[in-house]
Amino acid sequence: MRLPRGRVLVGDAAAMLARLPATSVDMVLTSPPYFRLRDYGVPGQLGLEPTVEAWRDGVAAVCQEVARVLTPT
């Protein structure tokens, strides 16, 4: 899959990253929500987990996907 250059992808970080091939992105910019600070009204959103540990695991899962899609350079 060849991705267009200079394209900004906007959406849920976990969902968007899962669609991308490995080592296909030069930069990722994300702003994960703090634990229980905001409700964006989206089911399953990151930040409203019942425990800090569940929130941490969600943030870690996004970070693993970021590492997977980033190019080595």
PDB file of N, CA and C in Angstrom:
ATOM      1  N   MET A   1       0.847  -1.185   0.000  1.00  0.00           N
ATOM      2  CA  MET A   1       0.000   0.000   0.000  1.00  0.00           C
ATOM      3  C   MET A   1       0.887   1.242   0.000  1.00  0.00           C
ATOM      4  N   ARG A   2       0.733   2.071  -0.976  1.00  0.00           N
ATOM      5  CA  ARG A   2       1.505   3.314  -1.058  1.00  0.00           C
ATOM      6  C   ARG A   2       0.640   4.456  -0.530  1.00  0.00           C
ATOM      7  N   LEU A   3       1.167   5.166   0.461  1.00  0.00           N
ATOM      8  CA  LEU A   3       0.432   6.270   1.060  1.00  0.00           C
ATOM      9  C   LEU A   3       0.812   7.574   0.371  1.00  0.00           C
ATOM     10  N   PRO A   4      -0.138   8.487   0.250  1.00  0.00           N
ATOM     11  CA  PRO A   4       0.198   9.789  -0.335  1.00  0.00           C
ATOM     12  C   PRO A   4       1.096  10.589   0.597  1.00  0.00           C
ATOM     13  N   ARG A   5       1.971  11.388   0.032  1.00  0.00           N
ATOM     14  CA  ARG A   5       2.875  12.229   0.829  1.00  0.00           C
ATOM     15  C   ARG A   5       2.148  13.478   1.310  1.00  0.00           C
ATOM     16  N   GLY A   6       2.508  13.932   2.495  1.00  0.00           N
ATOM     17  CA  GLY A   6       1.978  15.185   3.013  1.00  0.00           C
ATOM     18  C   GLY A   6       0.517  15.124   3.416  1.00  0.00           C
ATOM     19  N   ARG A   7       0.007  13.967   3.729  1.00  0.00           N
ATOM     20  CA  ARG A   7      -1.394  13.835   4.102  1.00  0.00           C
ATOM     21  C   ARG A   7      -1.528  13.797   5.623  1.00  0.00           C
ATOM     22  N   VAL A   8      -2.489  14.522   6.149  1.00  0.00           N
ATOM     23  CA  VAL A   8      -2.779  14.519   7.575  1.00  0.00           C
ATOM     24  C   VAL A   8      -3.980  13.616   7.805  1.00  0.00           C
ATOM     25  N   LEU A   9      -3.823  12.649   8.684  1.00  0.00           N
ATOM     26  CA  LEU A   9      -4.914  11.739   9.025  1.00  0.00           C
ATOM     27  C   LEU A   9      -5.482  12.168  10.368  1.00  0.00           C
ATOM     28  N   VAL A  10      -6.770  12.374  10.417  1.00  0.00           N
ATOM     29  CA  VAL A  10      -7.425  12.826  11.638  1.00  0.00           C
ATOM     30  C   VAL A  10      -8.439  11.770  12.056  1.00  0.00           C
ATOM     31  N   GLY A  11      -8.410  11.384  13.311  1.00  0.00           N
ATOM     32  CA  GLY A  11      -9.372  10.407  13.797  1.00  0.00           C
ATOM     33  C   GLY A  11      -8.861   9.745  15.058  1.00  0.00           C
ATOM     34  N   ASP A  12      -9.537   8.701  15.467  1.00  0.00           N
ATOM     35  CA  ASP A  12      -9.130   7.922  16.631  1.00  0.00           C
ATOM     36  C   ASP A  12      -7.759   7.314  16.348  1.00  0.00           C
ATOM     37  N   ALA A  13      -6.794   7.568  17.219  1.00  0.00           N
ATOM     38  CA  ALA A  13      -5.415   7.143  16.976  1.00  0.00           C
ATOM     39  C   ALA A  13      -5.309   5.636  16.786  1.00  0.00           C
ATOM     40  N   ALA A  14      -5.934   4.859  17.653  1.00  0.00           N
ATOM     41  CA  ALA A  14      -5.831   3.404  17.546  1.00  0.00           C
ATOM     42  C   ALA A  14      -6.415   2.901  16.234  1.00  0.00           C
ATOM     43  N   ALA A  15      -7.567   3.425  15.845  1.00  0.00           N
ATOM     44  CA  ALA A  15      -8.217   2.986  14.605  1.00  0.00           C
ATOM     45  C   ALA A  15      -7.424   3.409  13.375  1.00  0.00           C
ATOM     46  N   MET A  16      -6.918   4.625  13.364  1.00  0.00           N
ATOM     47  CA  MET A  16      -6.163   5.116  12.203  1.00  0.00           C
ATOM     48  C   MET A  16      -4.836   4.377  12.061  1.00  0.00           C
ATOM     49  N   LEU A  17      -4.138   4.174  13.159  1.00  0.00           N
ATOM     50  CA  LEU A  17      -2.852   3.491  13.108  1.00  0.00           C
ATOM     51  C   LEU A  17      -3.002   2.048  12.653  1.00  0.00           C
ATOM     52  N   ALA A  18      -4.059   1.379  13.076  1.00  0.00           N
ATOM     53  CA  ALA A  18      -4.270  -0.024  12.705  1.00  0.00           C
ATOM     54  C   ALA A  18      -4.425  -0.198  11.200  1.00  0.00           C
ATOM     55  N   ARG A  19      -4.862   0.819  10.495  1.00  0.00           N
ATOM     56  CA  ARG A  19      -5.061   0.746   9.047  1.00  0.00           C
ATOM     57  C   ARG A  19      -3.781   0.966   8.254  1.00  0.00           C
ATOM     58  N   LEU A  20      -2.736   1.422   8.913  1.00  0.00           N
ATOM     59  CA  LEU A  20      -1.496   1.766   8.218  1.00  0.00           C
ATOM     60  C   LEU A  20      -0.511   0.600   8.192  1.00  0.00           C
ATOM     61  N   PRO A  21       0.229   0.461   7.093  1.00  0.00           N
ATOM     62  CA  PRO A  21       1.254  -0.579   7.046  1.00  0.00           C
ATOM     63  C   PRO A  21       2.445  -0.239   7.946  1.00  0.00           C
ATOM     64  N   ALA A  22       3.179  -1.248   8.332  1.00  0.00           N
ATOM     65  CA  ALA A  22       4.370  -1.053   9.164  1.00  0.00           C
ATOM     66  C   ALA A  22       5.390  -0.189   8.421  1.00  0.00           C
ATOM     67  N   THR A  23       6.132   0.571   9.176  1.00  0.00           N
ATOM     68  CA  THR A  23       7.208   1.456   8.697  1.00  0.00           C
ATOM     69  C   THR A  23       6.782   2.315   7.504  1.00  0.00           C
ATOM     70  N   SER A  24       5.601   2.903   7.602  1.00  0.00           N
ATOM     71  CA  SER A  24       5.065   3.677   6.481  1.00  0.00           C
ATOM     72  C   SER A  24       4.880   5.163   6.779  1.00  0.00           C
ATOM     73  N   VAL A  25       5.198   5.596   7.996  1.00  0.00           N
ATOM     74  CA  VAL A  25       4.893   6.963   8.414  1.00  0.00           C
ATOM     75  C   VAL A  25       6.160   7.629   8.948  1.00  0.00           C
ATOM     76  N   ASP A  26       6.357   8.885   8.566  1.00  0.00           N
ATOM     77  CA  ASP A  26       7.523   9.626   9.039  1.00  0.00           C
ATOM     78  C   ASP A  26       7.296  10.333  10.370  1.00  0.00           C
ATOM     79  N   MET A  27       6.045  10.681  10.681  1.00  0.00           N
ATOM     80  CA  MET A  27       5.778  11.396  11.920  1.00  0.00           C
ATOM     81  C   MET A  27       4.369  11.089  12.416  1.00  0.00           C
ATOM     82  N   VAL A  28       4.235  10.970  13.720  1.00  0.00           N
ATOM     83  CA  VAL A  28       2.929  10.811  14.355  1.00  0.00           C
ATOM     84  C   VAL A  28       2.805  11.892  15.419  1.00  0.00           C
ATOM     85  N   LEU A  29       1.676  12.580  15.411  1.00  0.00           N
ATOM     86  CA  LEU A  29       1.378  13.586  16.434  1.00  0.00           C
ATOM     87  C   LEU A  29       0.042  13.195  17.050  1.00  0.00           C
ATOM     88  N   THR A  30       0.047  12.957  18.332  1.00  0.00           N
ATOM     89  CA  THR A  30      -1.183  12.589  19.021  1.00  0.00           C
ATOM     90  C   THR A  30      -1.190  13.250  20.391  1.00  0.00           C
ATOM     91  N   SER A  31      -2.360  13.407  20.932  1.00  0.00           N
ATOM     92  CA  SER A  31      -2.509  14.014  22.247  1.00  0.00           C
ATOM     93  C   SER A  31      -3.468  13.149  23.061  1.00  0.00           C
ATOM     94  N   PRO A  32      -2.935  12.093  23.664  1.00  0.00           N
ATOM     95  CA  PRO A  32      -3.823  11.201  24.424  1.00  0.00           C
ATOM     96  C   PRO A  32      -4.461  11.925  25.606  1.00  0.00           C
ATOM     97  N   PRO A  33      -5.726  11.687  25.855  1.00  0.00           N
ATOM     98  CA  PRO A  33      -6.401  12.359  26.964  1.00  0.00           C
ATOM     99  C   PRO A  33      -5.912  11.843  28.313  1.00  0.00           C
ATOM    100  N   TYR A  34      -5.893  12.727  29.266  1.00  0.00           N
ATOM    101  CA  TYR A  34      -5.580  12.325  30.628  1.00  0.00           C
ATOM    102  C   TYR A  34      -6.706  11.453  31.172  1.00  0.00           C
ATOM    103  N   PHE A  35      -6.389  10.662  32.173  1.00  0.00           N
ATOM    104  CA  PHE A  35      -7.352   9.748  32.787  1.00  0.00           C
ATOM    105  C   PHE A  35      -8.537  10.509  33.382  1.00  0.00           C
ATOM    106  N   ARG A  36      -9.727  10.183  32.892  1.00  0.00           N
ATOM    107  CA  ARG A  36     -11.014  10.670  33.399  1.00  0.00           C
ATOM    108  C   ARG A  36     -11.137  12.204  33.409  1.00  0.00           C
ATOM    109  N   LEU A  37     -10.434  12.889  32.533  1.00  0.00           N
ATOM    110  CA  LEU A  37     -10.477  14.349  32.532  1.00  0.00           C
ATOM    111  C   LEU A  37     -11.546  14.888  31.587  1.00  0.00           C
ATOM    112  N   ARG A  38     -11.739  14.230  30.426  1.00  0.00           N
ATOM    113  CA  ARG A  38     -12.706  14.727  29.443  1.00  0.00           C
ATOM    114  C   ARG A  38     -13.571  13.599  28.913  1.00  0.00           C
ATOM    115  N   ASP A  39     -14.791  13.942  28.564  1.00  0.00           N
ATOM    116  CA  ASP A  39     -15.694  12.994  27.901  1.00  0.00           C
ATOM    117  C   ASP A  39     -16.041  13.576  26.540  1.00  0.00           C
ATOM    118  N   TYR A  40     -15.555  12.920  25.491  1.00  0.00           N
ATOM    119  CA  TYR A  40     -15.807  13.382  24.129  1.00  0.00           C
ATOM    120  C   TYR A  40     -17.097  12.804  23.556  1.00  0.00           C
ATOM    121  N   GLY A  41     -17.802  12.016  24.359  1.00  0.00           N
ATOM    122  CA  GLY A  41     -19.075  11.460  23.918  1.00  0.00           C
ATOM    123  C   GLY A  41     -18.950  10.370  22.878  1.00  0.00           C
ATOM    124  N   VAL A  42     -17.811   9.679  22.865  1.00  0.00           N
ATOM    125  CA  VAL A  42     -17.578   8.605  21.888  1.00  0.00           C
ATOM    126  C   VAL A  42     -17.439   7.294  22.656  1.00  0.00           C
ATOM    127  N   PRO A  43     -18.233   6.289  22.308  1.00  0.00           N
ATOM    128  CA  PRO A  43     -18.123   5.008  23.010  1.00  0.00           C
ATOM    129  C   PRO A  43     -16.717   4.416  22.898  1.00  0.00           C
ATOM    130  N   GLY A  44     -16.203   3.895  23.996  1.00  0.00           N
ATOM    131  CA  GLY A  44     -14.909   3.239  24.004  1.00  0.00           C
ATOM    132  C   GLY A  44     -13.718   4.171  23.929  1.00  0.00           C
ATOM    133  N   GLN A  45     -13.945   5.455  24.158  1.00  0.00           N
ATOM    134  CA  GLN A  45     -12.851   6.430  24.029  1.00  0.00           C
ATOM    135  C   GLN A  45     -11.773   6.228  25.085  1.00  0.00           C
ATOM    136  N   LEU A  46     -10.556   6.543  24.696  1.00  0.00           N
ATOM    137  CA  LEU A  46      -9.425   6.509  25.601  1.00  0.00           C
ATOM    138  C   LEU A  46      -9.573   7.648  26.616  1.00  0.00           C
ATOM    139  N   GLY A  47      -9.400   7.315  27.881  1.00  0.00           N
ATOM    140  CA  GLY A  47      -9.467   8.325  28.929  1.00  0.00           C
ATOM    141  C   GLY A  47     -10.592   8.125  29.922  1.00  0.00           C
ATOM    142  N   LEU A  48     -11.586   7.331  29.555  1.00  0.00           N
ATOM    143  CA  LEU A  48     -12.703   7.103  30.486  1.00  0.00           C
ATOM    144  C   LEU A  48     -12.740   5.671  31.024  1.00  0.00           C
ATOM    145  N   GLU A  49     -11.605   5.012  31.005  1.00  0.00           N
ATOM    146  CA  GLU A  49     -11.542   3.655  31.540  1.00  0.00           C
ATOM    147  C   GLU A  49     -11.857   3.667  33.037  1.00  0.00           C
ATOM    148  N   PRO A  50     -12.274   2.535  33.583  1.00  0.00           N
ATOM    149  CA  PRO A  50     -12.641   2.497  35.002  1.00  0.00           C
ATOM    150  C   PRO A  50     -11.451   2.571  35.959  1.00  0.00           C
ATOM    151  N   THR A  51     -10.246   2.234  35.480  1.00  0.00           N
ATOM    152  CA  THR A  51      -9.063   2.270  36.349  1.00  0.00           C
ATOM    153  C   THR A  51      -7.892   2.930  35.621  1.00  0.00           C
ATOM    154  N   VAL A  52      -6.953   3.422  36.403  1.00  0.00           N
ATOM    155  CA  VAL A  52      -5.742   4.011  35.833  1.00  0.00           C
ATOM    156  C   VAL A  52      -4.970   2.951  35.048  1.00  0.00           C
ATOM    157  N   GLU A  53      -4.963   1.731  35.540  1.00  0.00           N
ATOM    158  CA  GLU A  53      -4.240   0.658  34.864  1.00  0.00           C
ATOM    159  C   GLU A  53      -4.828   0.375  33.477  1.00  0.00           C
ATOM    160  N   ALA A  54      -6.140   0.381  33.367  1.00  0.00           N
ATOM    161  CA  ALA A  54      -6.782   0.163  32.059  1.00  0.00           C
ATOM    162  C   ALA A  54      -6.478   1.323  31.115  1.00  0.00           C
ATOM    163  N   TRP A  55      -6.465   2.539  31.635  1.00  0.00           N
ATOM    164  CA  TRP A  55      -6.110   3.709  30.827  1.00  0.00           C
ATOM    165  C   TRP A  55      -4.661   3.599  30.346  1.00  0.00           C
ATOM    166  N   ARG A  56      -3.768   3.257  31.263  1.00  0.00           N
ATOM    167  CA  ARG A  56      -2.348   3.090  30.916  1.00  0.00           C
ATOM    168  C   ARG A  56      -2.177   2.043  29.815  1.00  0.00           C
ATOM    169  N   ASP A  57      -2.898   0.948  29.927  1.00  0.00           N
ATOM    170  CA  ASP A  57      -2.805  -0.108  28.912  1.00  0.00           C
ATOM    171  C   ASP A  57      -3.288   0.392  27.547  1.00  0.00           C
ATOM    172  N   GLY A  58      -4.318   1.211  27.547  1.00  0.00           N
ATOM    173  CA  GLY A  58      -4.815   1.786  26.294  1.00  0.00           C
ATOM    174  C   GLY A  58      -3.807   2.721  25.653  1.00  0.00           C
ATOM    175  N   VAL A  59      -3.180   3.566  26.463  1.00  0.00           N
ATOM    176  CA  VAL A  59      -2.149   4.477  25.955  1.00  0.00           C
ATOM    177  C   VAL A  59      -0.962   3.667  25.442  1.00  0.00           C
ATOM    178  N   ALA A  60      -0.580   2.617  26.166  1.00  0.00           N
ATOM    179  CA  ALA A  60       0.543   1.771  25.740  1.00  0.00           C
ATOM    180  C   ALA A  60       0.239   1.085  24.410  1.00  0.00           C
ATOM    181  N   ALA A  61      -0.995   0.654  24.213  1.00  0.00           N
ATOM    182  CA  ALA A  61      -1.370   0.008  22.946  1.00  0.00           C
ATOM    183  C   ALA A  61      -1.233   0.981  21.773  1.00  0.00           C
ATOM    184  N   VAL A  62      -1.649   2.229  21.976  1.00  0.00           N
ATOM    185  CA  VAL A  62      -1.484   3.247  20.926  1.00  0.00           C
ATOM    186  C   VAL A  62      -0.004   3.480  20.665  1.00  0.00           C
ATOM    187  N   CYS A  63       0.798   3.562  21.701  1.00  0.00           N
ATOM    188  CA  CYS A  63       2.237   3.786  21.536  1.00  0.00           C
ATOM    189  C   CYS A  63       2.898   2.632  20.785  1.00  0.00           C
ATOM    190  N   GLN A  64       2.447   1.406  21.021  1.00  0.00           N
ATOM    191  CA  GLN A  64       2.992   0.259  20.287  1.00  0.00           C
ATOM    192  C   GLN A  64       2.674   0.367  18.799  1.00  0.00           C
ATOM    193  N   GLU A  65       1.469   0.811  18.472  1.00  0.00           N
ATOM    194  CA  GLU A  65       1.104   1.004  17.065  1.00  0.00           C
ATOM    195  C   GLU A  65       1.908   2.135  16.442  1.00  0.00           C
ATOM    196  N   VAL A  66       2.152   3.192  17.191  1.00  0.00           N
ATOM    197  CA  VAL A  66       2.992   4.291  16.697  1.00  0.00           C
ATOM    198  C   VAL A  66       4.373   3.747  16.348  1.00  0.00           C
ATOM    199  N   ALA A  67       4.966   2.975  17.246  1.00  0.00           N
ATOM    200  CA  ALA A  67       6.289   2.403  16.999  1.00  0.00           C
ATOM    201  C   ALA A  67       6.274   1.500  15.780  1.00  0.00           C
ATOM    202  N   ARG A  68       5.191   0.777  15.560  1.00  0.00           N
ATOM    203  CA  ARG A  68       5.086  -0.142  14.422  1.00  0.00           C
ATOM    204  C   ARG A  68       5.049   0.600  13.093  1.00  0.00           C
ATOM    205  N   VAL A  69       4.327   1.705  13.021  1.00  0.00           N
ATOM    206  CA  VAL A  69       4.150   2.395  11.736  1.00  0.00           C
ATOM    207  C   VAL A  69       5.270   3.381  11.400  1.00  0.00           C
ATOM    208  N   LEU A  70       6.042   3.804  12.396  1.00  0.00           N
ATOM    209  CA  LEU A  70       7.099   4.781  12.120  1.00  0.00           C
ATOM    210  C   LEU A  70       8.236   4.161  11.319  1.00  0.00           C
ATOM    211  N   THR A  71       8.766   4.959  10.385  1.00  0.00           N
ATOM    212  CA  THR A  71       9.946   4.515   9.643  1.00  0.00           C
ATOM    213  C   THR A  71      11.152   4.538  10.558  1.00  0.00           C
ATOM    214  N   PRO A  72      12.165   3.739  10.270  1.00  0.00           N
ATOM    215  CA  PRO A  72      13.342   3.708  11.136  1.00  0.00           C
ATOM    216  C   PRO A  72      14.117   5.022  11.178  1.00  0.00           C
ATOM    217  N   THR A  73      13.901   5.878  10.208  1.00  0.00           N
ATOM    218  CA  THR A  73      14.629   7.143  10.181  1.00  0.00           C
ATOM    219  C   THR A  73      13.856   8.231  10.865  1.00  0.00           C
TER     220      THR A  73
END
